[in-house]
N, C-alpha and C. Protein backbone atom coordinates (compact mmCIF):
# COMPACT_ATOMS: atom_id res chain seq x y z
N MET A 1 53.71 -0.79 -4.42
CA MET A 1 52.29 -0.83 -4.14
C MET A 1 52.03 -0.66 -2.75
N THR A 2 50.89 0.14 -2.44
CA THR A 2 50.72 0.49 -1.04
C THR A 2 49.28 -0.40 -0.79
N LYS A 3 49.26 -0.85 0.39
CA LYS A 3 48.07 -1.57 0.99
C LYS A 3 47.35 -0.46 1.62
N ASN A 4 46.01 -0.82 1.72
CA ASN A 4 44.99 0.22 2.38
C ASN A 4 45.48 0.37 3.95
N ASP A 5 46.00 -0.57 4.57
CA ASP A 5 46.31 -0.49 5.82
C ASP A 5 47.42 0.60 6.07
N ASP A 6 48.24 0.81 5.04
CA ASP A 6 49.47 1.70 5.26
C ASP A 6 48.98 3.07 4.92
N LEU A 7 47.65 3.45 4.40
CA LEU A 7 47.29 4.74 4.11
C LEU A 7 46.71 5.48 5.30
N GLY A 8 46.53 4.76 6.34
CA GLY A 8 45.94 5.57 7.60
C GLY A 8 44.38 5.30 7.69
N ALA A 9 43.91 5.82 8.92
CA ALA A 9 42.50 5.58 9.21
C ALA A 9 41.58 6.44 8.43
N ASN A 10 41.96 7.59 7.72
CA ASN A 10 41.15 8.46 7.00
C ASN A 10 40.86 8.01 5.62
N HIS A 11 41.51 6.83 5.21
CA HIS A 11 41.41 6.49 3.87
C HIS A 11 40.21 5.50 3.61
N LEU A 12 39.38 5.76 2.47
CA LEU A 12 38.40 4.81 2.13
C LEU A 12 38.91 3.94 0.93
N PRO A 13 38.76 2.63 0.92
CA PRO A 13 39.12 1.81 -0.26
C PRO A 13 38.43 2.36 -1.51
N GLY A 14 39.05 1.99 -2.66
CA GLY A 14 38.48 2.40 -3.87
C GLY A 14 37.21 1.53 -4.10
N PRO A 15 36.41 1.98 -5.22
CA PRO A 15 35.12 1.36 -5.57
C PRO A 15 35.24 -0.13 -5.70
N SER A 16 36.36 -0.69 -6.23
CA SER A 16 36.45 -2.05 -6.38
C SER A 16 36.53 -2.93 -5.29
N THR A 17 36.91 -2.36 -4.12
CA THR A 17 36.87 -3.02 -2.90
C THR A 17 36.04 -2.64 -1.82
N PHE A 18 35.44 -1.45 -1.97
CA PHE A 18 34.40 -0.98 -0.91
C PHE A 18 33.09 -1.56 -1.15
N ASP A 19 32.50 -1.92 -0.16
CA ASP A 19 31.11 -2.47 -0.36
C ASP A 19 30.07 -1.31 -0.04
N TYR A 20 29.75 -0.64 -1.15
CA TYR A 20 28.82 0.66 -0.87
C TYR A 20 27.39 0.03 -0.50
N PHE A 21 27.05 -1.02 -1.13
CA PHE A 21 25.70 -1.58 -0.79
C PHE A 21 25.66 -1.84 0.72
N ALA A 22 26.56 -2.61 1.19
CA ALA A 22 26.50 -2.86 2.71
C ALA A 22 26.49 -1.65 3.59
N LEU A 23 27.17 -0.70 3.14
CA LEU A 23 27.23 0.69 3.87
C LEU A 23 25.80 1.36 3.68
N SER A 24 25.26 1.19 2.57
CA SER A 24 24.06 1.82 2.29
C SER A 24 22.93 1.27 3.18
N GLU A 25 22.88 -0.08 3.28
CA GLU A 25 22.01 -0.91 4.13
C GLU A 25 22.10 -0.40 5.49
N ASN A 26 23.29 -0.28 5.93
CA ASN A 26 23.65 -0.01 7.39
C ASN A 26 23.09 1.62 7.75
N LEU A 27 23.01 2.32 6.61
CA LEU A 27 22.72 3.76 6.86
C LEU A 27 21.16 3.95 7.09
N LYS A 28 20.41 2.90 6.62
CA LYS A 28 18.97 2.91 6.67
C LYS A 28 18.48 3.01 8.07
N GLY A 29 18.89 2.26 8.95
CA GLY A 29 18.29 2.07 10.24
C GLY A 29 18.52 3.03 11.29
N GLY A 30 19.43 2.91 12.17
CA GLY A 30 19.49 3.66 13.35
C GLY A 30 20.05 5.12 13.16
N LYS A 31 20.34 5.63 14.29
CA LYS A 31 20.94 6.96 14.31
C LYS A 31 22.46 6.85 13.89
N LEU A 32 22.82 7.89 13.10
CA LEU A 32 24.13 7.88 12.59
C LEU A 32 24.92 9.00 13.35
N PHE A 33 26.24 8.73 13.46
CA PHE A 33 26.96 9.70 14.14
C PHE A 33 28.57 9.66 13.55
N LEU A 34 29.15 10.76 13.88
CA LEU A 34 30.63 10.84 13.54
C LEU A 34 31.43 10.89 14.87
N LEU A 35 32.66 10.34 14.84
CA LEU A 35 33.48 10.63 15.98
C LEU A 35 34.54 11.61 15.64
N GLY A 36 34.45 12.77 16.46
CA GLY A 36 35.43 13.76 16.20
C GLY A 36 36.92 13.42 16.58
N PRO A 37 37.94 14.17 16.45
CA PRO A 37 39.27 13.84 16.75
C PRO A 37 39.50 13.59 18.22
N ASP A 38 38.53 14.14 19.09
CA ASP A 38 38.62 13.95 20.42
C ASP A 38 37.70 12.84 20.92
N ASN A 39 37.36 11.98 19.99
CA ASN A 39 36.30 11.00 20.23
C ASN A 39 34.89 11.30 20.82
N LYS A 40 34.68 12.63 20.49
CA LYS A 40 33.33 13.13 20.84
C LYS A 40 32.38 12.85 19.78
N LYS A 41 31.21 12.23 20.12
CA LYS A 41 30.25 11.84 19.40
C LYS A 41 29.32 13.03 18.76
N ILE A 42 29.25 13.04 17.40
CA ILE A 42 28.47 14.00 16.73
C ILE A 42 27.24 13.45 15.94
N ASP A 43 26.02 13.71 16.30
CA ASP A 43 24.82 13.01 15.65
C ASP A 43 24.75 13.54 14.12
N ILE A 44 24.38 12.85 13.18
CA ILE A 44 24.17 13.27 11.88
C ILE A 44 22.69 13.42 11.79
N PRO A 45 22.33 14.56 11.32
CA PRO A 45 20.84 14.91 11.20
C PRO A 45 20.18 14.00 10.10
N GLU A 46 18.76 13.63 10.24
CA GLU A 46 18.09 12.82 9.35
C GLU A 46 18.34 13.25 7.84
N PRO A 47 18.22 14.55 7.54
CA PRO A 47 18.26 14.85 6.15
C PRO A 47 19.58 14.50 5.47
N LEU A 48 20.58 14.71 6.26
CA LEU A 48 22.03 14.35 5.78
C LEU A 48 22.10 12.84 5.67
N ALA A 49 21.57 12.07 6.70
CA ALA A 49 21.65 10.59 6.68
C ALA A 49 20.87 10.07 5.40
N LYS A 50 19.67 10.80 4.93
CA LYS A 50 19.02 10.28 3.81
C LYS A 50 19.84 10.46 2.60
N ILE A 51 20.55 11.69 2.58
CA ILE A 51 21.43 11.97 1.20
C ILE A 51 22.60 10.89 1.18
N LEU A 52 23.18 10.60 2.41
CA LEU A 52 24.25 9.50 2.54
C LEU A 52 23.76 8.17 2.04
N HIS A 53 22.52 7.85 2.44
CA HIS A 53 21.97 6.59 2.05
C HIS A 53 21.77 6.52 0.55
N GLU A 54 21.06 7.55 0.03
CA GLU A 54 20.87 7.64 -1.50
C GLU A 54 22.16 7.64 -2.25
N ALA A 55 23.06 8.29 -1.74
CA ALA A 55 24.54 8.39 -2.51
C ALA A 55 25.16 6.92 -2.58
N MET A 56 25.08 6.39 -1.36
CA MET A 56 25.69 5.03 -1.22
C MET A 56 24.98 3.88 -2.02
N THR A 57 23.63 4.03 -2.07
CA THR A 57 22.83 3.23 -2.96
C THR A 57 23.26 3.27 -4.43
N GLU A 58 23.44 4.61 -4.79
CA GLU A 58 23.69 4.85 -6.29
C GLU A 58 25.21 4.40 -6.55
N LEU A 59 26.18 4.62 -5.64
CA LEU A 59 27.40 4.17 -5.75
C LEU A 59 27.70 2.74 -5.77
N SER A 60 26.79 1.96 -5.19
CA SER A 60 26.81 0.54 -5.20
C SER A 60 26.29 -0.07 -6.47
N LEU A 61 25.54 0.85 -7.26
CA LEU A 61 25.04 0.37 -8.47
C LEU A 61 26.17 0.86 -9.68
N GLY A 62 27.10 1.45 -9.16
CA GLY A 62 28.21 1.93 -10.18
C GLY A 62 27.85 3.28 -10.71
N SER A 63 26.94 4.06 -10.22
CA SER A 63 26.62 5.37 -10.71
C SER A 63 27.52 6.33 -10.00
N GLU A 64 27.76 7.56 -10.79
CA GLU A 64 28.50 8.73 -10.13
C GLU A 64 27.48 9.31 -9.35
N VAL A 65 28.09 10.18 -8.32
CA VAL A 65 27.09 10.86 -7.58
C VAL A 65 27.76 12.34 -7.32
N GLN A 66 26.90 13.31 -7.49
CA GLN A 66 27.20 14.64 -7.14
C GLN A 66 26.11 15.27 -6.25
N VAL A 67 26.34 16.07 -5.32
CA VAL A 67 25.51 16.83 -4.38
C VAL A 67 25.52 18.10 -4.83
N VAL A 68 24.46 18.71 -5.22
CA VAL A 68 24.38 20.23 -5.63
C VAL A 68 23.18 20.72 -4.94
N THR A 69 23.26 22.05 -4.84
CA THR A 69 22.18 22.86 -4.09
C THR A 69 20.91 22.87 -5.08
N CYS A 70 19.91 22.89 -4.48
CA CYS A 70 18.59 22.80 -5.29
C CYS A 70 18.43 24.24 -5.93
N ASP A 71 19.05 25.34 -5.49
CA ASP A 71 18.88 26.53 -6.17
C ASP A 71 19.85 26.91 -7.18
N LEU A 72 20.69 25.89 -7.51
CA LEU A 72 21.69 26.02 -8.56
C LEU A 72 20.98 26.32 -9.86
N LEU A 73 21.48 27.38 -10.61
CA LEU A 73 21.05 27.74 -11.83
C LEU A 73 21.84 27.13 -13.04
N ILE A 74 21.23 26.46 -13.88
CA ILE A 74 21.99 25.86 -14.90
C ILE A 74 21.50 26.38 -16.29
N THR A 75 22.31 26.10 -17.39
CA THR A 75 22.00 26.42 -18.64
C THR A 75 20.94 25.71 -19.35
N THR A 76 20.43 26.14 -20.42
CA THR A 76 19.35 25.25 -21.09
C THR A 76 19.82 23.96 -21.59
N GLN A 77 21.20 23.98 -22.12
CA GLN A 77 21.72 22.84 -22.58
C GLN A 77 21.93 21.78 -21.39
N ASP A 78 22.49 22.18 -20.34
CA ASP A 78 22.62 21.47 -19.11
C ASP A 78 21.33 20.69 -18.68
N ALA A 79 20.32 21.69 -18.74
CA ALA A 79 19.01 21.23 -18.26
C ALA A 79 18.35 20.17 -19.21
N ALA A 80 18.57 20.40 -20.46
CA ALA A 80 18.04 19.38 -21.52
C ALA A 80 18.83 18.15 -21.37
N ASP A 81 20.12 18.31 -21.08
CA ASP A 81 21.01 17.05 -20.78
C ASP A 81 20.47 16.19 -19.64
N TYR A 82 20.06 16.99 -18.63
CA TYR A 82 19.57 16.37 -17.33
C TYR A 82 18.31 15.66 -17.57
N LEU A 83 17.48 16.18 -18.48
CA LEU A 83 16.15 15.61 -18.82
C LEU A 83 16.13 14.71 -19.92
N SER A 84 17.35 14.38 -20.51
CA SER A 84 17.56 13.49 -21.63
C SER A 84 16.56 13.99 -22.78
N MET A 85 16.67 15.23 -23.16
CA MET A 85 15.85 15.62 -24.27
C MET A 85 16.72 16.74 -25.01
N SER A 86 16.31 17.08 -26.10
CA SER A 86 16.86 18.02 -27.05
C SER A 86 16.78 19.42 -26.40
N ARG A 87 17.78 20.33 -26.69
CA ARG A 87 17.67 21.70 -26.14
C ARG A 87 16.31 22.53 -26.72
N PRO A 88 15.98 22.26 -28.02
CA PRO A 88 14.68 23.02 -28.50
C PRO A 88 13.48 22.43 -28.07
N THR A 89 13.47 21.09 -27.52
CA THR A 89 12.27 20.55 -26.77
C THR A 89 12.26 21.28 -25.54
N LEU A 90 13.36 21.43 -24.80
CA LEU A 90 13.32 22.07 -23.42
C LEU A 90 12.78 23.55 -23.58
N VAL A 91 13.50 24.18 -24.52
CA VAL A 91 13.05 25.68 -24.67
C VAL A 91 11.52 25.73 -24.99
N GLN A 92 10.99 24.84 -25.65
CA GLN A 92 9.55 24.87 -25.92
C GLN A 92 8.86 24.63 -24.54
N LEU A 93 9.24 23.75 -23.70
CA LEU A 93 8.59 23.59 -22.40
C LEU A 93 8.74 24.86 -21.63
N LEU A 94 9.90 25.53 -21.76
CA LEU A 94 10.06 26.78 -21.07
C LEU A 94 9.12 27.93 -21.37
N LYS A 95 8.95 28.03 -22.83
CA LYS A 95 7.99 28.98 -23.50
C LYS A 95 6.58 28.58 -23.04
N ASP A 96 6.27 27.30 -22.93
CA ASP A 96 4.91 26.97 -22.48
C ASP A 96 4.58 27.14 -21.08
N GLY A 97 5.58 27.48 -20.35
CA GLY A 97 5.44 27.70 -18.93
C GLY A 97 5.34 26.39 -18.00
N GLN A 98 5.89 25.31 -18.61
CA GLN A 98 5.82 24.14 -17.90
C GLN A 98 6.97 23.93 -16.95
N ILE A 99 8.10 24.71 -17.16
CA ILE A 99 9.25 24.78 -16.18
C ILE A 99 9.65 26.18 -16.06
N PRO A 100 9.65 26.66 -14.78
CA PRO A 100 10.04 28.11 -14.65
C PRO A 100 11.52 28.33 -14.82
N TYR A 101 11.77 29.51 -15.42
CA TYR A 101 13.22 29.94 -15.64
C TYR A 101 13.49 31.30 -15.31
N THR A 102 14.72 31.83 -15.34
CA THR A 102 15.01 33.20 -15.18
C THR A 102 15.90 33.61 -16.50
N GLN A 103 15.86 34.83 -16.78
CA GLN A 103 16.72 35.39 -17.85
C GLN A 103 17.81 36.20 -17.35
N THR A 104 19.05 35.99 -18.02
CA THR A 104 20.28 36.81 -17.65
C THR A 104 20.77 37.38 -18.92
N GLY A 105 21.82 38.24 -18.70
CA GLY A 105 22.53 38.92 -19.94
C GLY A 105 21.57 39.61 -20.71
N TYR A 106 20.81 40.59 -20.23
CA TYR A 106 19.90 41.44 -20.92
C TYR A 106 18.85 40.57 -21.62
N GLY A 107 18.46 39.52 -20.96
CA GLY A 107 17.31 38.57 -21.44
C GLY A 107 17.60 37.77 -22.51
N LYS A 108 18.96 37.58 -22.68
CA LYS A 108 19.45 36.67 -23.80
C LYS A 108 19.48 35.15 -23.30
N HIS A 109 19.90 35.10 -22.12
CA HIS A 109 20.20 33.58 -21.70
C HIS A 109 19.31 33.12 -20.63
N ARG A 110 18.80 31.96 -20.78
CA ARG A 110 17.66 31.42 -19.84
C ARG A 110 18.60 30.53 -18.92
N ARG A 111 18.16 30.59 -17.65
CA ARG A 111 18.62 29.69 -16.57
C ARG A 111 17.65 28.94 -15.81
N ILE A 112 17.88 27.75 -15.45
CA ILE A 112 16.79 26.92 -14.79
C ILE A 112 17.36 26.48 -13.52
N ARG A 113 16.53 26.36 -12.55
CA ARG A 113 16.76 25.77 -11.22
C ARG A 113 16.74 24.39 -11.22
N ILE A 114 17.73 23.68 -10.60
CA ILE A 114 17.68 22.32 -10.56
C ILE A 114 16.47 21.78 -9.84
N SER A 115 16.02 22.50 -8.72
CA SER A 115 14.77 22.11 -8.07
C SER A 115 13.46 22.16 -9.04
N ASP A 116 13.51 23.03 -9.88
CA ASP A 116 12.28 23.17 -10.92
C ASP A 116 12.45 21.98 -11.88
N LEU A 117 13.65 21.48 -12.38
CA LEU A 117 13.82 20.47 -13.19
C LEU A 117 13.31 19.12 -12.48
N VAL A 118 13.68 18.98 -11.12
CA VAL A 118 13.23 17.74 -10.39
C VAL A 118 11.74 17.79 -10.22
N LYS A 119 11.12 18.91 -10.08
CA LYS A 119 9.66 18.99 -9.84
C LYS A 119 9.06 18.53 -11.21
N TYR A 120 9.57 19.08 -12.29
CA TYR A 120 8.96 18.81 -13.59
C TYR A 120 9.08 17.22 -13.79
N GLN A 121 10.33 16.74 -13.55
CA GLN A 121 10.66 15.35 -13.78
C GLN A 121 9.56 14.42 -12.96
N ASN A 122 9.44 14.85 -11.73
CA ASN A 122 8.58 14.10 -10.77
C ASN A 122 7.09 14.12 -11.35
N LYS A 123 6.75 15.31 -11.85
CA LYS A 123 5.31 15.44 -12.24
C LYS A 123 5.18 14.60 -13.59
N VAL A 124 6.23 14.60 -14.46
CA VAL A 124 6.03 13.77 -15.70
C VAL A 124 5.95 12.21 -15.37
N ARG A 125 6.91 11.77 -14.28
CA ARG A 125 6.79 10.47 -14.01
C ARG A 125 5.38 10.03 -13.31
N ALA A 126 4.89 11.01 -12.39
CA ALA A 126 3.52 10.66 -11.90
C ALA A 126 2.50 10.70 -12.98
N ASP A 127 2.51 11.58 -13.88
CA ASP A 127 1.53 11.61 -15.02
C ASP A 127 1.58 10.22 -15.84
N ARG A 128 2.86 9.83 -16.00
CA ARG A 128 3.03 8.60 -16.74
C ARG A 128 2.43 7.44 -16.02
N ARG A 129 2.67 7.31 -14.73
CA ARG A 129 2.15 6.21 -13.90
C ARG A 129 0.57 6.25 -13.90
N LYS A 130 0.03 7.44 -13.85
CA LYS A 130 -1.28 7.59 -13.82
C LYS A 130 -2.09 7.16 -15.22
N HIS A 131 -1.33 7.48 -16.26
CA HIS A 131 -1.89 7.19 -17.63
C HIS A 131 -1.73 5.70 -17.75
N LEU A 132 -0.66 5.11 -17.37
CA LEU A 132 -0.44 3.61 -17.54
C LEU A 132 -1.50 2.97 -16.87
N ALA A 133 -1.62 3.37 -15.51
CA ALA A 133 -2.58 2.72 -14.78
C ALA A 133 -4.17 2.73 -15.30
N SER A 134 -4.34 3.97 -15.83
CA SER A 134 -5.60 4.07 -16.51
C SER A 134 -5.76 3.12 -17.75
N MET A 135 -4.62 3.05 -18.49
CA MET A 135 -4.76 2.25 -19.69
C MET A 135 -4.94 0.61 -19.24
N VAL A 136 -4.22 0.34 -18.20
CA VAL A 136 -4.32 -1.22 -17.78
C VAL A 136 -5.78 -1.29 -17.34
N LYS A 137 -6.33 -0.45 -16.64
CA LYS A 137 -7.72 -0.63 -16.23
C LYS A 137 -8.57 -0.70 -17.45
N ILE A 138 -8.49 0.07 -18.32
CA ILE A 138 -9.28 0.11 -19.56
C ILE A 138 -9.18 -1.27 -20.14
N GLY A 139 -7.96 -1.72 -20.32
CA GLY A 139 -7.46 -2.85 -20.93
C GLY A 139 -8.17 -4.19 -20.29
N GLN A 140 -8.19 -4.24 -18.93
CA GLN A 140 -8.76 -5.29 -18.02
C GLN A 140 -10.26 -5.22 -18.32
N GLU A 141 -10.86 -4.10 -18.37
CA GLU A 141 -12.28 -3.98 -18.48
C GLU A 141 -12.77 -4.52 -19.96
N MET A 142 -11.84 -4.08 -20.91
CA MET A 142 -12.19 -4.65 -22.07
C MET A 142 -12.12 -6.05 -22.42
N MET A 143 -11.08 -6.61 -21.65
CA MET A 143 -10.88 -8.03 -21.79
C MET A 143 -11.85 -8.80 -21.02
N ALA A 144 -12.53 -8.21 -20.06
CA ALA A 144 -13.42 -8.88 -19.21
C ALA A 144 -14.76 -8.84 -19.86
N ASP A 145 -15.01 -7.98 -20.86
CA ASP A 145 -16.28 -8.00 -21.50
C ASP A 145 -16.45 -8.98 -22.69
N PRO A 146 -17.51 -9.93 -22.38
CA PRO A 146 -17.64 -11.05 -23.37
C PRO A 146 -17.97 -10.54 -24.85
N ASP A 147 -18.49 -9.34 -25.01
CA ASP A 147 -18.76 -8.68 -26.37
C ASP A 147 -17.59 -7.90 -26.84
N PHE A 148 -16.43 -7.99 -26.22
CA PHE A 148 -15.27 -7.14 -26.58
C PHE A 148 -14.87 -7.50 -28.01
N VAL A 149 -14.75 -6.50 -28.85
CA VAL A 149 -14.33 -6.42 -30.08
C VAL A 149 -12.97 -5.67 -30.17
N GLU A 150 -11.97 -6.24 -30.65
CA GLU A 150 -10.62 -5.52 -30.66
C GLU A 150 -10.88 -4.17 -31.61
N PRO A 151 -10.46 -3.06 -31.03
CA PRO A 151 -10.67 -1.78 -31.79
C PRO A 151 -9.58 -1.79 -32.99
N SER A 152 -10.09 -1.06 -34.02
CA SER A 152 -9.11 -0.79 -35.00
C SER A 152 -8.15 0.22 -34.75
N MET A 153 -6.96 0.38 -35.58
CA MET A 153 -6.07 1.30 -35.33
C MET A 153 -6.49 2.77 -35.24
N GLU A 154 -7.44 2.93 -36.31
CA GLU A 154 -8.13 4.35 -36.42
C GLU A 154 -8.93 4.57 -34.99
N GLU A 155 -9.62 3.64 -34.36
CA GLU A 155 -10.21 3.85 -33.23
C GLU A 155 -9.40 4.04 -32.18
N ILE A 156 -8.24 3.43 -32.06
CA ILE A 156 -7.22 3.66 -31.04
C ILE A 156 -6.68 5.02 -31.06
N ILE A 157 -6.41 5.42 -32.35
CA ILE A 157 -5.78 6.90 -32.64
C ILE A 157 -6.77 7.95 -32.17
N ARG A 158 -8.08 7.57 -32.50
CA ARG A 158 -9.21 8.57 -32.12
C ARG A 158 -9.20 8.75 -30.46
N ILE A 159 -9.19 7.64 -29.90
CA ILE A 159 -9.24 7.64 -28.41
C ILE A 159 -8.10 8.32 -27.80
N ILE A 160 -6.88 8.18 -28.40
CA ILE A 160 -5.60 8.92 -27.88
C ILE A 160 -5.76 10.35 -28.07
N ASN A 161 -6.32 10.72 -29.34
CA ASN A 161 -6.49 12.36 -29.58
C ASN A 161 -7.50 12.79 -28.79
N GLU A 162 -8.52 12.12 -28.33
CA GLU A 162 -9.51 12.57 -27.37
C GLU A 162 -8.91 12.77 -26.00
N ILE A 163 -8.11 11.78 -25.52
CA ILE A 163 -7.42 11.94 -24.24
C ILE A 163 -6.52 13.14 -24.22
N ARG A 164 -5.76 13.35 -25.31
CA ARG A 164 -4.86 14.55 -25.56
C ARG A 164 -5.59 15.79 -25.49
N ARG A 165 -6.84 15.89 -26.15
CA ARG A 165 -7.61 16.98 -26.13
C ARG A 165 -8.10 17.26 -24.82
N GLU A 166 -8.59 16.42 -24.03
CA GLU A 166 -9.11 16.50 -22.72
C GLU A 166 -7.98 16.98 -21.83
N ASN A 167 -6.68 16.35 -21.92
CA ASN A 167 -5.65 16.95 -21.18
C ASN A 167 -5.36 18.33 -21.46
N ALA A 168 -5.24 18.73 -22.61
CA ALA A 168 -4.97 20.08 -23.02
C ALA A 168 -6.06 21.01 -22.41
N GLU A 169 -7.37 20.74 -22.47
CA GLU A 169 -8.37 21.52 -22.03
C GLU A 169 -8.22 21.69 -20.43
N ARG A 170 -7.90 20.60 -19.65
CA ARG A 170 -7.58 20.55 -18.36
C ARG A 170 -6.51 21.47 -17.96
N LYS A 171 -5.31 21.42 -18.80
CA LYS A 171 -4.25 22.09 -18.48
C LYS A 171 -4.62 23.73 -18.72
N SER A 172 -5.30 23.87 -19.77
CA SER A 172 -5.72 25.36 -20.06
C SER A 172 -6.60 25.88 -18.97
N ALA A 173 -7.49 24.97 -18.47
CA ALA A 173 -8.39 25.45 -17.36
C ALA A 173 -7.57 25.63 -16.06
N GLU A 174 -6.57 24.88 -15.86
CA GLU A 174 -5.63 25.09 -14.60
C GLU A 174 -4.82 26.33 -14.76
N GLY A 175 -4.38 26.64 -16.01
CA GLY A 175 -3.69 27.84 -16.30
C GLY A 175 -4.44 29.14 -16.00
N ASN A 176 -5.77 29.05 -16.32
CA ASN A 176 -6.65 30.21 -16.24
C ASN A 176 -7.34 30.54 -14.80
N SER A 177 -7.01 29.47 -13.92
CA SER A 177 -7.67 29.60 -12.59
C SER A 177 -6.57 30.17 -11.68
């Protein structure tokens, strides 16, 4: 069995012994730098420091981390897996124009940029937060009303359908402008 001390200065301990969380916290603050073989200090730019911080945070939670270029094109199946949805659902989003894509192989194969998936994912999250905040506000207003009468399930469904119709009309208007 080999001890970490025997492996040399360039070896990082394995996940079971390395404290990724502590390193992640240390990456938050000041300027980071590397020491070259000649002990020359090389500053790490802020964008790279941010990537290192996020990677170490994920590693501290036991997650795997990969760094990929945002312009990387992936298949529809890989994109569906990334978004945790079925491939047919993703293809429908592509057809509806909600996520941009390119076609290869004489127009037979769709490819999606990672950056477009991230934008879509962020938009969905923002929409969910907005809708949740709206629902909470409505609930608070209803509960504060002394004449509040709990709506029937039919009334709730009617309200949801009305909101969906308004959202569809808004998206249609955005698409036409």
